[in-house]
Amino acid sequence: MTDRHVLLGSLLHHFFRLVPTTTKSQLAAEYLEACRRHDTPCIDTVLQQIRDLPDNAIGGGSRAPRLTLAECSLAGPSPADALEAVMRKVQFRRLEIDHATIDDEGAEAIFDMIEYYESANVLSIAGPRQFGIRGWQAASRMIKKSADLTELEVTDAPLEASHAPVLARSLRAHTCTLRALCLQRVSLCGEPLLCLVIALKSNSSIRELRLGDNRLSVSDAAQLASLLRYNARIQLLDLSNNQIQDAGVAHLAEALAEQAAQSPPSAAASPLDPNRCTVGGHEARGLAFLVLWNNQLTRNCAPYLNKALRSSWSLCVLNVGRNALCGEAVRALCRAPALLSLGLQAARLGPDAAPALADLVRADTKLQRLDLRENRLGGAGLSAILAALKENTTLTQIDLDEPPTPDSANLQAEDKESAYIRRVTREIRALCRRNDTTRHDDDVHPVHRKISLTCHTACLLRQGMGTGEEERRGRLRSPAPSPAPSPAPSPAPSPAGSPVPAPQHTSRFMVSVYLNLYP
């Protein structure tokens, strides 16, 4: 954190100490009065959220969980000016602009407020955006100057090629404090992605990069591989629901091998030691979490996965579910010195994959979690896993499909295979519980607690990403890390700067800062 951020934090703390004691009813009345003064309708959901605020959130005692501005009008400066009555007295952990109508003036006002009042740790902008270059320039200033903004999410509408360089410019700044950048379903492939990659090569703060549902192709994977070669601070890369294919995995594997060769682990205290890989940790270097869910991978990616896992001492979570891997690819996963969690959900594994899975379970690894749901292993496959698990002491969770439980009327009709599968499933879970209870709590890696292997395949967005209510309701979201495919190779990009130069901007709050802090 720079001296500037320390000073800003001190001034902001002093500012919130000077906020007079205000009740929730008084804050609601102040917001209504601000709406009347600025001649703008109040947002009913904001009033409800004011009523639901924690008692200690007003005045900066603690951050409120969230402020959601959903499906409302934020066009023009007036709605944001009215919201200042709330944002100058309450800070939030998460601020969501969800399918709201917001133009350049509204975006400038909102982003300036977030920067000045340090209103949010996480900013989420979902749905179509009506603002253009001016709005993105305000967002860029906010990212560069905010000391408390740690995560930016932009989802569910394309990021225009002319706007990507403006966003990328803020990521180059040494004052950028973002730890996580989520750009999902924004059609990022091609030139916009290249702008992002160029900026992130010199970024030292970003630890999590989520790029799911972006129509990314093999050539885009090559660009991301070059990013990993230059920037070893990125620890989580989520490429779920794209089309990088086997050739894209080859690019990534080569980059991971080079990453490991540049800074090989020398001792147990090495930052690359798997026992120290944590999301957002300053000390860790090297990619730790890789999500390749639903990327049209086949058994031919096996040698590339093997290369990545053998060479990387930092990669501890790998999710390759919803890909046609079959048993051949599983054999490539056995030699993974750092792997803690492996996602193979819906990987088209049948009984023929049982020997490879048994070898994986039996291998001398640190594996703690294995997701095998939505596969057809059958009784024989599960039996092989059970036999191998008896020799394993690290696996504490194997995710399997719930076997159907017959009701009392059909109990006699239950076939022997189903009964056998139910029994073996119970025994596998019992052995996992055994391993769990024999481990000290300190031995369970924090990754095991933080990262879910559960992913979903999002519906393909039609014709440039529709925005209708039906389409939004039908889209499946992943808990975390989030995990749908993409056609067409990326066009040859050119690392151009912003087409519109950023004008000198005077923040709407610069004049009042001294008046507010020193009454």
Protein backbone atom coordinates (compact mmCIF):
# COMPACT_ATOMS: atom_id res chain seq x y z
CA MET A 1 0.00 0.00 0.00
CA THR A 2 1.43 3.41 -0.98
CA ASP A 3 1.86 6.44 1.29
CA ARG A 4 -1.00 8.04 -0.62
CA HIS A 5 -3.34 5.19 0.30
CA VAL A 6 -2.30 5.39 3.96
CA LEU A 7 -3.00 9.13 4.00
CA LEU A 8 -6.35 8.69 2.27
CA GLY A 9 -7.34 5.98 4.73
CA SER A 10 -6.45 8.22 7.66
CA LEU A 11 -8.39 11.16 6.24
CA LEU A 12 -11.40 8.98 5.47
CA HIS A 13 -11.37 7.52 8.98
CA HIS A 14 -11.34 11.09 10.35
CA PHE A 15 -14.18 12.01 8.00
CA PHE A 16 -16.47 9.20 9.19
CA ARG A 17 -15.71 10.06 12.83
CA LEU A 18 -17.20 13.49 12.11
CA VAL A 19 -20.43 12.04 10.69
CA PRO A 20 -23.17 12.93 13.20
CA THR A 21 -25.07 10.06 14.78
CA THR A 22 -27.89 9.13 12.43
CA THR A 23 -30.65 6.57 12.79
CA LYS A 24 -31.97 4.48 9.91
CA SER A 25 -35.23 6.45 9.82
CA GLN A 26 -33.28 9.73 9.71
CA LEU A 27 -31.10 8.40 6.89
CA ALA A 28 -34.20 7.35 4.93
CA ALA A 29 -35.68 10.83 5.45
CA GLU A 30 -32.43 12.44 4.26
CA TYR A 31 -32.47 10.29 1.12
CA LEU A 32 -36.09 11.24 0.38
CA GLU A 33 -35.27 14.91 0.89
CA ALA A 34 -32.27 14.59 -1.45
CA CYS A 35 -34.52 13.01 -4.10
CA ARG A 36 -36.96 15.91 -3.76
CA ARG A 37 -34.17 18.48 -3.93
CA HIS A 38 -32.67 16.92 -7.06
CA ASP A 39 -36.09 16.33 -8.62
CA THR A 40 -35.61 12.59 -9.10
CA PRO A 41 -37.84 9.68 -8.03
CA CYS A 42 -36.57 7.71 -5.08
CA ILE A 43 -35.50 4.10 -5.59
CA ASP A 44 -37.83 1.99 -3.45
CA THR A 45 -35.31 -0.81 -3.02
CA VAL A 46 -32.78 1.67 -1.63
CA LEU A 47 -35.27 2.71 1.05
CA GLN A 48 -35.82 -0.92 1.97
CA GLN A 49 -32.07 -1.53 2.16
CA ILE A 50 -31.68 1.50 4.44
CA ARG A 51 -34.25 -0.04 6.80
CA ASP A 52 -32.28 -3.31 6.78
CA LEU A 53 -28.88 -1.75 7.56
CA PRO A 54 -26.96 -3.09 10.56
CA ASP A 55 -27.15 -0.68 13.49
CA ASN A 56 -23.41 0.03 13.47
CA ALA A 57 -23.10 0.61 9.70
CA ILE A 58 -24.11 4.28 9.67
CA GLY A 59 -21.13 6.53 10.31
CA GLY A 60 -18.38 4.12 9.33
CA GLY A 61 -18.47 1.84 12.38
CA SER A 62 -18.45 -1.15 10.05
CA ARG A 63 -19.31 -1.84 6.43
CA ALA A 64 -22.84 -2.88 5.54
CA PRO A 65 -23.01 -6.13 3.54
CA ARG A 66 -24.22 -4.65 0.26
CA LEU A 67 -26.10 -1.98 -1.66
CA THR A 68 -27.96 -3.25 -4.72
CA LEU A 69 -29.13 -0.86 -7.44
CA ALA A 70 -31.15 -3.25 -9.60
CA GLU A 71 -33.31 -2.49 -12.64
CA CYS A 72 -33.58 1.20 -11.78
CA SER A 73 -32.68 4.42 -13.58
CA LEU A 74 -29.31 5.98 -12.80
CA ALA A 75 -29.32 8.13 -15.94
CA GLY A 76 -28.08 11.68 -15.48
CA PRO A 77 -26.45 13.06 -12.34
CA SER A 78 -29.62 13.50 -10.26
CA PRO A 79 -30.17 9.88 -9.07
CA ALA A 80 -26.53 9.63 -8.01
CA ASP A 81 -26.62 13.04 -6.31
CA ALA A 82 -29.57 11.82 -4.27
CA LEU A 83 -27.74 8.58 -3.41
CA GLU A 84 -24.89 10.63 -1.98
CA ALA A 85 -27.07 11.20 1.09
CA VAL A 86 -26.63 7.48 1.79
CA MET A 87 -23.10 6.88 0.52
CA ARG A 88 -21.52 9.70 2.51
CA LYS A 89 -22.67 8.03 5.73
CA VAL A 90 -22.55 4.30 4.92
CA GLN A 91 -19.80 2.17 3.41
CA PHE A 92 -20.53 -1.22 1.88
CA ARG A 93 -18.59 -4.41 1.36
CA ARG A 94 -20.33 -4.91 -2.00
CA LEU A 95 -22.06 -2.44 -4.35
CA GLU A 96 -24.08 -3.94 -7.20
CA ILE A 97 -25.32 -2.10 -10.30
CA ASP A 98 -27.54 -4.83 -11.71
CA HIS A 99 -29.26 -4.26 -15.07
CA ALA A 100 -29.73 -0.58 -14.22
CA THR A 101 -30.01 2.19 -16.81
CA ILE A 102 -26.81 4.18 -16.34
CA ASP A 103 -25.33 6.70 -18.79
CA ASP A 104 -22.06 8.65 -18.80
CA GLU A 105 -23.23 11.29 -16.34
CA GLY A 106 -24.64 8.72 -13.96
CA ALA A 107 -21.52 6.55 -14.20
CA GLU A 108 -19.21 9.50 -13.55
CA ALA A 109 -21.19 10.50 -10.47
CA ILE A 110 -21.40 6.98 -9.02
CA PHE A 111 -17.74 6.12 -9.67
CA ASP A 112 -16.53 9.46 -8.28
CA MET A 113 -18.50 8.80 -5.10
CA ILE A 114 -17.10 5.29 -4.73
CA GLU A 115 -13.59 6.73 -5.10
CA TYR A 116 -14.12 9.63 -2.70
CA TYR A 117 -16.07 7.89 0.07
CA GLU A 118 -14.37 4.48 -0.41
CA SER A 119 -17.93 3.20 -0.64
CA ALA A 120 -17.24 -0.42 -1.61
CA ASN A 121 -14.71 -3.23 -1.44
CA VAL A 122 -16.41 -5.02 -4.35
CA LEU A 123 -18.10 -3.31 -7.30
CA SER A 124 -20.33 -5.42 -9.57
CA ILE A 125 -21.70 -4.04 -12.86
CA ALA A 126 -24.09 -6.53 -14.46
CA GLY A 127 -26.14 -6.21 -17.63
CA PRO A 128 -26.18 -3.73 -20.52
CA ARG A 129 -24.31 -0.47 -19.97
CA GLN A 130 -25.41 2.78 -21.58
CA PHE A 131 -22.26 4.69 -20.65
CA GLY A 132 -19.34 5.04 -23.04
CA ILE A 133 -15.79 6.40 -22.95
CA ARG A 134 -16.51 9.05 -20.30
CA GLY A 135 -18.05 6.51 -17.96
CA TRP A 136 -15.15 4.09 -18.39
CA GLN A 137 -12.66 6.89 -17.83
CA ALA A 138 -14.39 7.61 -14.52
CA ALA A 139 -14.18 3.90 -13.69
CA SER A 140 -10.48 3.96 -14.57
CA ARG A 141 -9.85 6.87 -12.20
CA MET A 142 -11.79 5.08 -9.47
CA ILE A 143 -9.67 1.93 -9.86
CA LYS A 144 -6.42 3.91 -9.79
CA LYS A 145 -7.31 6.08 -6.80
CA SER A 146 -9.48 3.94 -4.53
CA ALA A 147 -7.57 2.38 -1.66
CA ASP A 148 -10.31 -0.01 -0.53
CA LEU A 149 -11.70 -1.32 -3.84
CA THR A 150 -10.36 -4.86 -4.10
CA GLU A 151 -12.66 -6.56 -6.62
CA LEU A 152 -14.31 -5.48 -9.88
CA GLU A 153 -16.96 -7.57 -11.63
CA VAL A 154 -18.28 -6.66 -15.11
CA THR A 155 -20.72 -9.21 -16.50
CA ASP A 156 -23.57 -10.01 -18.87
CA ALA A 157 -22.98 -7.50 -21.71
CA PRO A 158 -20.18 -7.10 -24.28
CA LEU A 159 -17.21 -4.90 -23.44
CA GLU A 160 -16.73 -2.76 -26.55
CA ALA A 161 -13.32 -2.77 -28.21
CA SER A 162 -12.98 1.00 -27.70
CA HIS A 163 -13.67 0.70 -23.96
CA ALA A 164 -11.25 -2.14 -23.17
CA PRO A 165 -8.09 0.05 -23.47
CA VAL A 166 -9.56 2.57 -21.02
CA LEU A 167 -10.17 -0.15 -18.44
CA ALA A 168 -6.76 -1.68 -19.14
CA ARG A 169 -5.02 1.64 -18.54
CA SER A 170 -6.16 1.65 -14.91
CA LEU A 171 -4.66 -1.81 -14.35
CA ARG A 172 -1.19 -0.62 -15.35
CA ALA A 173 -1.11 2.01 -12.62
CA HIS A 174 1.08 1.19 -9.61
CA THR A 175 -1.71 2.58 -7.40
CA CYS A 176 -4.18 -0.12 -8.51
CA THR A 177 -5.26 -2.15 -5.46
CA LEU A 178 -7.62 -4.61 -7.17
CA ARG A 179 -7.08 -8.18 -6.00
CA ALA A 180 -9.74 -9.82 -8.20
CA LEU A 181 -10.97 -8.98 -11.70
CA CYS A 182 -14.06 -10.75 -13.03
CA LEU A 183 -15.02 -10.19 -16.69
CA GLN A 184 -17.63 -12.81 -17.50
CA ARG A 185 -19.96 -12.96 -20.48
CA VAL A 186 -18.50 -9.76 -21.95
CA SER A 187 -17.26 -11.12 -25.33
CA LEU A 188 -13.66 -10.47 -24.35
CA CYS A 189 -12.00 -12.50 -27.10
CA GLY A 190 -9.54 -10.99 -29.54
CA GLU A 191 -8.35 -7.40 -29.26
CA PRO A 192 -10.08 -6.54 -25.94
CA LEU A 193 -8.37 -9.53 -24.34
CA LEU A 194 -5.00 -8.47 -25.74
CA CYS A 195 -5.41 -5.01 -24.19
CA LEU A 196 -6.13 -6.66 -20.86
CA VAL A 197 -3.16 -9.04 -21.13
CA ILE A 198 -0.72 -6.23 -21.95
CA ALA A 199 -1.88 -4.26 -18.91
CA LEU A 200 -1.80 -7.22 -16.54
CA LYS A 201 1.76 -8.14 -17.47
CA SER A 202 2.92 -5.17 -15.40
CA ASN A 203 0.22 -5.37 -12.72
CA SER A 204 1.35 -6.43 -9.25
CA SER A 205 -1.96 -6.52 -7.35
CA ILE A 206 -4.34 -8.82 -9.27
CA ARG A 207 -4.47 -12.32 -7.79
CA GLU A 208 -7.74 -13.66 -9.27
CA LEU A 209 -8.71 -13.45 -12.94
CA ARG A 210 -12.15 -14.80 -13.89
CA LEU A 211 -12.82 -14.86 -17.64
CA GLY A 212 -15.65 -17.38 -18.01
CA ASP A 213 -18.16 -17.36 -20.88
CA ASN A 214 -16.14 -15.09 -23.17
CA ARG A 215 -15.87 -17.07 -26.42
CA LEU A 216 -12.14 -17.50 -25.84
CA SER A 217 -10.35 -19.59 -28.48
CA VAL A 218 -6.95 -21.25 -28.89
CA SER A 219 -5.29 -17.97 -29.87
CA ASP A 220 -6.75 -16.28 -26.80
CA ALA A 221 -5.33 -19.06 -24.64
CA ALA A 222 -1.93 -18.33 -26.18
CA GLN A 223 -2.24 -14.70 -25.06
CA LEU A 224 -3.14 -15.78 -21.52
CA ALA A 225 -0.18 -18.15 -21.50
CA SER A 226 2.11 -15.23 -22.31
CA LEU A 227 0.56 -13.38 -19.36
CA LEU A 228 1.38 -16.25 -17.01
CA ARG A 229 5.00 -16.20 -18.19
CA TYR A 230 5.33 -12.52 -17.30
CA ASN A 231 3.15 -12.37 -14.19
CA ALA A 232 3.57 -15.10 -11.59
CA ARG A 233 1.45 -13.26 -9.04
CA ILE A 234 -1.84 -14.37 -10.60
CA GLN A 235 -3.02 -17.29 -8.51
CA LEU A 236 -6.50 -18.05 -9.87
CA LEU A 237 -7.42 -18.28 -13.56
CA ASP A 238 -11.02 -19.20 -14.38
CA LEU A 239 -11.53 -19.95 -18.09
CA SER A 240 -14.73 -21.94 -17.71
CA ASN A 241 -17.24 -22.19 -20.54
CA ASN A 242 -14.91 -21.13 -23.35
CA GLN A 243 -13.39 -22.99 -26.33
CA ILE A 244 -9.67 -23.09 -25.75
CA GLN A 245 -9.59 -26.80 -26.72
CA ASP A 246 -6.61 -29.14 -26.38
CA ALA A 247 -4.25 -26.77 -28.19
CA GLY A 248 -5.11 -24.03 -25.72
CA VAL A 249 -4.25 -26.33 -22.82
CA ALA A 250 -0.90 -26.95 -24.51
CA HIS A 251 -0.14 -23.22 -24.41
CA LEU A 252 -1.11 -22.96 -20.75
CA ALA A 253 0.89 -26.05 -19.78
CA GLU A 254 4.00 -24.67 -21.46
CA ALA A 255 3.57 -21.40 -19.57
CA LEU A 256 3.16 -23.19 -16.23
CA ALA A 257 6.30 -25.21 -16.89
CA GLU A 258 8.23 -22.02 -17.66
CA GLN A 259 6.76 -20.36 -14.59
CA ALA A 260 8.01 -23.18 -12.38
CA ALA A 261 11.44 -23.20 -14.04
CA GLN A 262 11.93 -19.49 -13.42
CA SER A 263 11.50 -19.85 -9.65
CA PRO A 264 11.79 -23.50 -8.56
CA PRO A 265 11.00 -24.31 -4.92
CA SER A 266 14.18 -24.53 -2.86
CA ALA A 267 12.82 -25.34 0.58
CA ALA A 268 9.67 -26.01 2.52
CA ALA A 269 9.38 -22.29 3.19
CA SER A 270 9.39 -21.49 -0.51
CA PRO A 271 6.48 -19.31 -1.65
CA LEU A 272 5.74 -22.03 -4.18
CA ASP A 273 5.30 -24.68 -1.51
CA PRO A 274 1.75 -26.08 -1.89
CA ASN A 275 1.15 -25.72 1.83
CA ARG A 276 1.39 -21.98 1.41
CA CYS A 277 -0.71 -21.36 -1.68
CA THR A 278 -3.58 -19.09 -0.70
CA VAL A 279 -5.94 -16.95 -2.73
CA GLY A 280 -4.91 -13.35 -2.39
CA GLY A 281 -1.73 -14.08 -0.40
CA HIS A 282 1.16 -11.69 -1.03
CA GLU A 283 3.74 -14.40 -0.42
CA ALA A 284 2.55 -16.96 -2.96
CA ARG A 285 3.81 -16.99 -6.55
CA GLY A 286 2.66 -19.19 -9.41
CA LEU A 287 -0.79 -20.22 -10.56
CA ALA A 288 -2.62 -22.14 -7.84
CA PHE A 289 -6.18 -22.49 -9.22
CA LEU A 290 -7.03 -23.36 -12.82
CA VAL A 291 -10.64 -23.83 -13.98
CA LEU A 292 -11.03 -25.33 -17.48
CA TRP A 293 -14.64 -26.46 -17.12
CA ASN A 294 -16.43 -26.98 -20.45
CA ASN A 295 -13.69 -26.03 -22.91
CA GLN A 296 -14.10 -28.80 -25.50
CA LEU A 297 -11.15 -30.75 -24.16
CA THR A 298 -10.61 -34.37 -25.21
CA ARG A 299 -8.36 -37.25 -24.23
CA ASN A 300 -5.69 -35.67 -26.44
CA CYS A 301 -5.04 -33.01 -23.80
CA ALA A 302 -3.66 -35.68 -21.43
CA PRO A 303 0.07 -35.05 -22.13
CA TYR A 304 -0.40 -31.31 -21.66
CA LEU A 305 -2.20 -31.76 -18.33
CA ASN A 306 0.52 -34.17 -17.28
CA LYS A 307 3.21 -31.63 -18.13
CA ALA A 308 1.47 -28.86 -16.21
CA LEU A 309 0.93 -30.98 -13.11
CA ARG A 310 4.40 -32.53 -13.06
CA SER A 311 6.21 -29.23 -13.45
CA SER A 312 4.11 -26.92 -11.29
CA TRP A 313 4.62 -26.86 -7.53
CA SER A 314 1.99 -24.16 -7.10
CA LEU A 315 -1.06 -25.64 -8.90
CA CYS A 316 -3.25 -27.02 -6.12
CA VAL A 317 -6.78 -26.87 -7.60
CA LEU A 318 -7.64 -28.09 -11.11
CA ASN A 319 -11.17 -28.33 -12.49
CA VAL A 320 -11.47 -30.02 -15.90
CA GLY A 321 -15.08 -31.12 -15.57
CA ARG A 322 -17.65 -31.12 -18.41
CA ASN A 323 -14.98 -32.19 -20.92
CA ALA A 324 -14.74 -35.49 -22.84
CA LEU A 325 -11.59 -36.65 -21.07
CA CYS A 326 -12.34 -40.36 -20.63
CA GLY A 327 -9.98 -42.71 -18.81
CA GLU A 328 -6.85 -41.87 -20.82
CA ALA A 329 -6.67 -38.34 -19.45
CA VAL A 330 -7.12 -39.52 -15.85
CA ARG A 331 -3.87 -41.46 -16.05
CA ALA A 332 -2.07 -38.20 -16.80
CA LEU A 333 -3.27 -36.72 -13.52
CA CYS A 334 -1.58 -39.19 -11.19
CA ARG A 335 1.73 -37.35 -10.95
CA ALA A 336 0.78 -34.05 -9.35
CA PRO A 337 3.00 -33.06 -6.43
CA ALA A 338 0.93 -30.08 -5.32
CA LEU A 339 -2.65 -30.98 -6.28
CA LEU A 340 -5.18 -30.75 -3.45
CA SER A 341 -8.52 -30.67 -5.28
CA LEU A 342 -9.41 -32.20 -8.65
CA GLY A 343 -12.70 -31.66 -10.47
CA LEU A 344 -13.74 -34.42 -12.89
CA GLN A 345 -17.49 -33.86 -12.86
CA ALA A 346 -19.18 -34.94 -16.10
CA ALA A 347 -15.83 -35.93 -17.65
CA ARG A 348 -17.36 -38.94 -19.47
CA LEU A 349 -15.70 -41.46 -17.20
CA GLY A 350 -17.03 -45.01 -17.46
CA PRO A 351 -16.02 -48.34 -15.91
CA ASP A 352 -12.91 -48.36 -18.14
CA ALA A 353 -11.61 -45.34 -16.20
CA ALA A 354 -11.74 -47.25 -12.90
CA PRO A 355 -8.10 -48.51 -12.98
CA ALA A 356 -6.80 -45.01 -13.66
CA LEU A 357 -8.98 -43.55 -10.89
CA ALA A 358 -7.79 -46.23 -8.49
CA ASP A 359 -4.17 -45.39 -9.33
CA LEU A 360 -4.96 -41.71 -8.74
CA VAL A 361 -6.46 -42.44 -5.32
CA ARG A 362 -3.65 -44.82 -4.42
CA ALA A 363 -0.89 -42.46 -5.56
CA ASP A 364 1.31 -40.81 -2.96
CA THR A 365 -0.16 -37.32 -3.36
CA LYS A 366 -1.65 -34.60 -1.18
CA LEU A 367 -5.06 -34.88 -2.86
CA GLN A 368 -7.88 -34.02 -0.43
CA ARG A 369 -10.92 -33.56 -2.69
CA LEU A 370 -12.05 -35.45 -5.82
CA ASP A 371 -15.27 -34.66 -7.70
CA LEU A 372 -16.61 -37.60 -9.74
CA ARG A 373 -20.27 -36.63 -10.10
CA GLU A 374 -22.19 -37.12 -13.35
CA ASN A 375 -20.00 -40.00 -14.52
CA ARG A 376 -21.01 -43.62 -15.17
CA LEU A 377 -18.52 -45.57 -13.13
CA GLY A 378 -20.93 -48.36 -12.22
CA GLY A 379 -20.51 -50.79 -9.37
CA ALA A 380 -17.19 -52.12 -10.66
CA GLY A 381 -15.69 -48.65 -10.97
CA LEU A 382 -16.80 -47.62 -7.49
CA SER A 383 -15.50 -50.88 -6.09
CA ALA A 384 -12.02 -50.19 -7.52
CA ILE A 385 -12.05 -46.71 -5.96
CA LEU A 386 -13.12 -48.19 -2.62
CA ALA A 387 -10.26 -50.69 -2.63
CA ALA A 388 -7.73 -47.96 -3.41
CA LEU A 389 -9.18 -45.62 -0.81
CA LYS A 390 -8.43 -48.12 1.94
CA GLU A 391 -4.74 -47.35 1.34
CA ASN A 392 -5.26 -43.59 1.16
CA THR A 393 -4.99 -41.24 4.14
CA THR A 394 -5.40 -37.80 2.52
CA LEU A 395 -8.73 -37.84 0.66
CA THR A 396 -11.41 -36.38 2.89
CA GLN A 397 -14.11 -35.87 0.25
CA ILE A 398 -15.05 -37.76 -2.90
CA ASP A 399 -18.13 -36.28 -4.55
CA LEU A 400 -20.38 -38.96 -6.04
CA ASP A 401 -23.91 -38.94 -7.41
CA GLU A 402 -26.56 -39.76 -4.86
CA PRO A 403 -27.72 -43.34 -5.55
CA PRO A 404 -31.51 -43.56 -5.92
CA THR A 405 -33.23 -44.55 -2.71
CA PRO A 406 -36.20 -46.84 -3.34
CA ASP A 407 -39.37 -46.18 -1.39
CA SER A 408 -40.81 -48.88 0.85
CA ALA A 409 -43.24 -50.06 -1.85
CA ASN A 410 -40.46 -50.74 -4.33
CA LEU A 411 -37.87 -52.02 -1.89
CA GLN A 412 -38.27 -55.63 -3.03
CA ALA A 413 -37.99 -54.64 -6.68
CA GLU A 414 -34.62 -52.94 -6.23
CA ASP A 415 -32.04 -54.64 -8.43
CA LYS A 416 -28.80 -55.98 -7.01
CA GLU A 417 -26.62 -53.48 -8.93
CA SER A 418 -28.39 -50.46 -7.41
CA ALA A 419 -28.16 -51.93 -3.93
CA TYR A 420 -24.46 -52.64 -4.44
CA ILE A 421 -23.80 -49.07 -5.66
CA ARG A 422 -25.57 -47.65 -2.63
CA ARG A 423 -23.53 -49.79 -0.26
CA VAL A 424 -20.19 -49.00 -1.91
CA THR A 425 -21.01 -45.28 -1.95
CA ARG A 426 -21.70 -45.39 1.79
CA GLU A 427 -18.39 -47.18 2.41
CA ILE A 428 -16.44 -44.65 0.32
CA ARG A 429 -17.94 -41.79 2.31
CA ALA A 430 -17.19 -43.58 5.57
CA LEU A 431 -13.51 -43.92 4.62
CA CYS A 432 -13.39 -40.22 3.70
CA ARG A 433 -14.81 -39.39 7.13
CA ARG A 434 -12.16 -41.62 8.65
CA ASN A 435 -9.43 -39.67 6.89
CA ASP A 436 -11.08 -36.41 7.91
CA THR A 437 -11.22 -37.29 11.61
CA THR A 438 -7.63 -38.54 11.73
CA ARG A 439 -6.29 -35.28 10.30
CA HIS A 440 -5.52 -32.33 12.51
CA ASP A 441 -7.47 -29.22 11.57
CA ASP A 442 -4.22 -27.43 10.74
CA ASP A 443 -3.45 -30.13 8.15
CA VAL A 444 -6.53 -29.30 6.10
CA HIS A 445 -5.43 -26.80 3.53
CA PRO A 446 -7.39 -23.51 3.48
CA VAL A 447 -7.96 -24.08 -0.24
CA HIS A 448 -10.14 -27.03 0.70
CA ARG A 449 -12.45 -24.72 2.61
CA LYS A 450 -12.51 -21.78 0.20
CA ILE A 451 -12.91 -23.24 -3.28
CA SER A 452 -15.92 -25.09 -4.61
CA LEU A 453 -15.53 -27.58 -7.46
CA THR A 454 -19.19 -27.25 -8.34
CA CYS A 455 -19.65 -25.61 -11.72
CA HIS A 456 -22.51 -25.14 -14.12
CA THR A 457 -22.70 -24.82 -17.86
CA ALA A 458 -24.20 -21.49 -18.78
CA CYS A 459 -26.59 -21.23 -21.69
CA LEU A 460 -24.95 -19.97 -24.86
CA LEU A 461 -25.83 -16.34 -25.38
CA ARG A 462 -27.64 -15.71 -28.61
CA GLN A 463 -26.62 -13.16 -31.18
CA GLY A 464 -24.38 -10.85 -29.26
CA MET A 465 -25.77 -11.66 -25.85
CA GLY A 466 -29.45 -11.00 -25.42
CA THR A 467 -30.63 -9.18 -22.34
CA GLY A 468 -34.23 -10.35 -21.98
CA GLU A 469 -35.62 -11.46 -18.66
CA GLU A 470 -36.15 -15.03 -19.85
CA GLU A 471 -32.53 -15.35 -20.90
CA ARG A 472 -31.23 -14.01 -17.60
CA ARG A 473 -33.49 -16.33 -15.64
CA GLY A 474 -32.40 -19.37 -17.66
CA ARG A 475 -28.70 -18.79 -17.19
CA LEU A 476 -27.00 -21.02 -14.66
CA ARG A 477 -24.39 -19.50 -12.38
CA SER A 478 -21.53 -21.23 -10.56
CA PRO A 479 -20.96 -20.71 -6.83
CA ALA A 480 -17.18 -20.22 -6.92
CA PRO A 481 -15.01 -20.21 -8.80
CA SER A 482 -17.57 -19.72 -11.50
CA PRO A 483 -17.50 -21.73 -14.51
CA ALA A 484 -20.10 -22.00 -21.79
CA PRO A 485 -18.36 -22.22 -25.11
CA SER A 486 -17.20 -19.92 -27.87
CA PRO A 487 -16.92 -20.09 -31.62
CA ALA A 488 -14.62 -18.29 -34.00
CA PRO A 489 -10.93 -17.66 -33.55
CA SER A 490 -9.88 -14.29 -32.23
CA PRO A 491 -8.96 -11.68 -34.81
CA ALA A 492 -5.38 -10.57 -34.98
CA PRO A 493 -5.22 -7.91 -32.30
CA SER A 494 -3.18 -4.76 -32.08
CA PRO A 495 -2.12 -3.32 -28.76
CA ALA A 496 -3.61 0.09 -29.38
CA GLY A 497 -4.13 2.63 -26.65
CA SER A 498 -7.40 4.30 -25.87
CA PRO A 499 -8.91 5.83 -29.02
CA VAL A 500 -10.03 8.84 -26.98
CA PRO A 501 -7.44 10.59 -24.82
CA ALA A 502 -8.45 10.97 -21.21
CA PRO A 503 -9.17 14.61 -20.46
CA GLN A 504 -8.09 16.26 -17.24
CA HIS A 505 -10.95 15.50 -14.89
CA THR A 506 -11.84 17.45 -11.80
CA SER A 507 -13.62 15.27 -9.29
CA ARG A 508 -16.94 16.59 -8.09
CA PHE A 509 -15.61 16.12 -4.54
CA MET A 510 -12.19 17.78 -4.76
CA VAL A 511 -13.42 21.20 -3.59
CA SER A 512 -15.40 19.88 -0.64
CA VAL A 513 -12.77 17.53 0.76
CA TYR A 514 -11.17 20.09 3.07
CA LEU A 515 -14.54 21.50 4.10
CA ASN A 516 -15.76 18.04 5.08
CA LEU A 517 -12.65 16.90 6.91
CA TYR A 518 -11.85 20.08 8.74
CA PRO A 519 -15.10 21.79 9.73
